[in-house]
């Protein structure tokens, strides 16, 4: 049995500039912040799409 966890996507605000970024966490390691996006929903949607593409590749 593996201790690896499912990758997760979360949205964060990097600065107080009002922009949103997504971060993918895999096996407890947080990746870089990717963005900017205008809304939290856009950031999460793009992060989940990126994660799905990585899974397929």
N, C-alpha and C. Protein backbone atom coordinates (compact mmCIF):
# COMPACT_ATOMS: atom_id res chain seq x y z
N UNK A 1 0.84 -1.18 0.00
CA UNK A 1 0.00 0.00 0.00
C UNK A 1 0.89 1.24 0.00
N UNK A 2 0.51 2.24 -0.76
CA UNK A 2 1.30 3.45 -0.91
C UNK A 2 0.82 4.52 0.06
N UNK A 3 1.76 5.32 0.54
CA UNK A 3 1.42 6.44 1.41
C UNK A 3 1.13 7.71 0.60
N UNK A 4 1.24 7.63 -0.72
CA UNK A 4 1.01 8.79 -1.57
C UNK A 4 -0.44 9.24 -1.46
N UNK A 5 -0.61 10.53 -1.45
CA UNK A 5 -1.95 11.09 -1.38
C UNK A 5 -2.36 11.60 -2.76
N UNK A 6 -3.65 11.73 -2.94
CA UNK A 6 -4.17 12.27 -4.19
C UNK A 6 -3.71 13.72 -4.34
N UNK A 7 -3.32 14.12 -5.55
CA UNK A 7 -2.97 15.53 -5.77
C UNK A 7 -4.18 16.42 -5.51
N UNK A 8 -3.92 17.59 -4.99
CA UNK A 8 -4.99 18.54 -4.72
C UNK A 8 -4.68 19.89 -5.37
N UNK A 9 -5.72 20.65 -5.64
CA UNK A 9 -5.59 21.99 -6.20
C UNK A 9 -6.25 22.95 -5.24
N UNK A 10 -5.56 24.05 -4.95
CA UNK A 10 -6.19 25.09 -4.14
C UNK A 10 -5.88 26.44 -4.75
N UNK A 11 -6.71 27.40 -4.47
CA UNK A 11 -6.53 28.76 -4.97
C UNK A 11 -6.05 29.63 -3.82
N UNK A 12 -5.11 30.50 -4.13
CA UNK A 12 -4.56 31.42 -3.13
C UNK A 12 -4.39 32.79 -3.77
N UNK A 13 -4.35 33.80 -2.91
CA UNK A 13 -3.99 35.13 -3.37
C UNK A 13 -2.54 35.35 -2.97
N UNK A 14 -1.69 35.54 -3.97
CA UNK A 14 -0.25 35.65 -3.77
C UNK A 14 0.10 36.98 -3.08
N UNK A 15 -0.51 38.03 -3.53
CA UNK A 15 -0.27 39.37 -3.00
C UNK A 15 -1.62 40.02 -2.72
N UNK A 16 -1.57 41.25 -2.32
CA UNK A 16 -2.81 41.99 -2.11
C UNK A 16 -3.25 42.68 -3.40
N UNK A 17 -2.90 42.10 -4.55
CA UNK A 17 -3.24 42.71 -5.83
C UNK A 17 -4.61 42.29 -6.34
N UNK A 18 -5.30 41.42 -5.60
CA UNK A 18 -6.63 40.99 -6.00
C UNK A 18 -6.64 39.83 -6.97
N UNK A 19 -5.46 39.37 -7.41
CA UNK A 19 -5.39 38.26 -8.35
C UNK A 19 -5.32 36.93 -7.61
N UNK A 20 -5.79 35.89 -8.28
CA UNK A 20 -5.79 34.53 -7.73
C UNK A 20 -4.80 33.67 -8.48
N UNK A 21 -4.26 32.69 -7.78
CA UNK A 21 -3.29 31.75 -8.33
C UNK A 21 -3.69 30.36 -7.87
N UNK A 22 -3.32 29.32 -8.63
CA UNK A 22 -3.57 27.98 -8.14
C UNK A 22 -2.26 27.31 -7.79
N UNK A 23 -2.35 26.39 -6.85
CA UNK A 23 -1.21 25.62 -6.40
C UNK A 23 -1.62 24.16 -6.38
N UNK A 24 -0.81 23.29 -7.01
CA UNK A 24 -1.06 21.86 -6.99
C UNK A 24 -0.14 21.24 -5.96
N UNK A 25 -0.72 20.43 -5.09
CA UNK A 25 0.07 19.72 -4.08
C UNK A 25 0.03 18.23 -4.41
N UNK A 26 1.22 17.65 -4.60
CA UNK A 26 1.34 16.21 -4.89
C UNK A 26 2.28 15.60 -3.87
N UNK A 27 1.85 14.51 -3.27
CA UNK A 27 2.65 13.78 -2.28
C UNK A 27 3.18 14.70 -1.18
N UNK A 28 2.35 15.65 -0.78
CA UNK A 28 2.72 16.56 0.30
C UNK A 28 3.64 17.69 -0.12
N UNK A 29 3.99 17.77 -1.40
CA UNK A 29 4.88 18.82 -1.88
C UNK A 29 4.07 19.82 -2.68
N UNK A 30 4.13 21.07 -2.25
CA UNK A 30 3.38 22.13 -2.91
C UNK A 30 4.17 22.67 -4.09
N UNK A 31 3.53 22.74 -5.25
CA UNK A 31 4.17 23.25 -6.44
C UNK A 31 4.14 24.77 -6.48
N UNK A 32 4.58 25.33 -7.60
CA UNK A 32 4.60 26.79 -7.73
C UNK A 32 3.20 27.38 -7.88
N UNK A 33 3.09 28.65 -7.57
CA UNK A 33 1.83 29.36 -7.78
C UNK A 33 1.73 29.70 -9.27
N UNK A 34 0.58 29.39 -9.87
CA UNK A 34 0.37 29.62 -11.29
C UNK A 34 -0.78 30.60 -11.47
N UNK A 35 -0.59 31.59 -12.29
CA UNK A 35 -1.64 32.57 -12.52
C UNK A 35 -1.02 33.82 -13.14
N UNK A 36 -1.68 34.92 -13.06
CA UNK A 36 -2.84 35.25 -12.24
C UNK A 36 -4.17 35.00 -12.94
N UNK A 37 -5.21 34.90 -12.12
CA UNK A 37 -6.59 34.75 -12.56
C UNK A 37 -7.42 35.81 -11.86
N UNK A 38 -8.52 36.17 -12.51
CA UNK A 38 -9.39 37.20 -11.94
C UNK A 38 -10.20 36.70 -10.75
N UNK A 39 -10.57 35.40 -10.78
CA UNK A 39 -11.41 34.88 -9.71
C UNK A 39 -10.84 33.58 -9.16
N UNK A 40 -11.25 33.25 -7.96
CA UNK A 40 -10.85 32.00 -7.32
C UNK A 40 -11.32 30.81 -8.15
N UNK A 41 -12.54 30.90 -8.68
CA UNK A 41 -13.13 29.81 -9.46
C UNK A 41 -12.32 29.54 -10.72
N UNK A 42 -11.87 30.60 -11.40
CA UNK A 42 -11.06 30.43 -12.60
C UNK A 42 -9.74 29.73 -12.27
N UNK A 43 -9.13 30.13 -11.19
CA UNK A 43 -7.85 29.54 -10.78
C UNK A 43 -8.01 28.04 -10.49
N UNK A 44 -9.04 27.68 -9.74
CA UNK A 44 -9.27 26.27 -9.41
C UNK A 44 -9.59 25.46 -10.66
N UNK A 45 -10.44 26.00 -11.54
CA UNK A 45 -10.82 25.28 -12.76
C UNK A 45 -9.59 25.01 -13.62
N UNK A 46 -8.73 26.00 -13.79
CA UNK A 46 -7.54 25.81 -14.61
C UNK A 46 -6.56 24.85 -13.94
N UNK A 47 -6.46 24.93 -12.62
CA UNK A 47 -5.59 24.01 -11.89
C UNK A 47 -6.06 22.57 -12.02
N UNK A 48 -7.36 22.36 -11.93
CA UNK A 48 -7.90 21.00 -12.08
C UNK A 48 -7.71 20.49 -13.51
N UNK A 49 -7.85 21.38 -14.48
CA UNK A 49 -7.63 21.00 -15.88
C UNK A 49 -6.16 20.62 -16.09
N UNK A 50 -5.26 21.38 -15.53
CA UNK A 50 -3.84 21.08 -15.64
C UNK A 50 -3.51 19.75 -14.98
N UNK A 51 -4.11 19.50 -13.85
CA UNK A 51 -3.91 18.24 -13.14
C UNK A 51 -4.41 17.07 -13.97
N UNK A 52 -5.55 17.22 -14.61
CA UNK A 52 -6.11 16.17 -15.46
C UNK A 52 -5.21 15.91 -16.65
N UNK A 53 -4.65 16.96 -17.25
CA UNK A 53 -3.74 16.80 -18.38
C UNK A 53 -2.47 16.07 -17.94
N UNK A 54 -1.95 16.39 -16.77
CA UNK A 54 -0.76 15.71 -16.25
C UNK A 54 -1.02 14.24 -16.02
N UNK A 55 -2.24 13.93 -15.59
CA UNK A 55 -2.62 12.53 -15.32
C UNK A 55 -2.67 11.73 -16.61
N UNK A 56 -3.11 12.36 -17.68
CA UNK A 56 -3.24 11.70 -18.98
C UNK A 56 -1.88 11.48 -19.61
N UNK A 57 -1.00 12.47 -19.46
CA UNK A 57 0.32 12.43 -20.12
C UNK A 57 1.21 11.34 -19.56
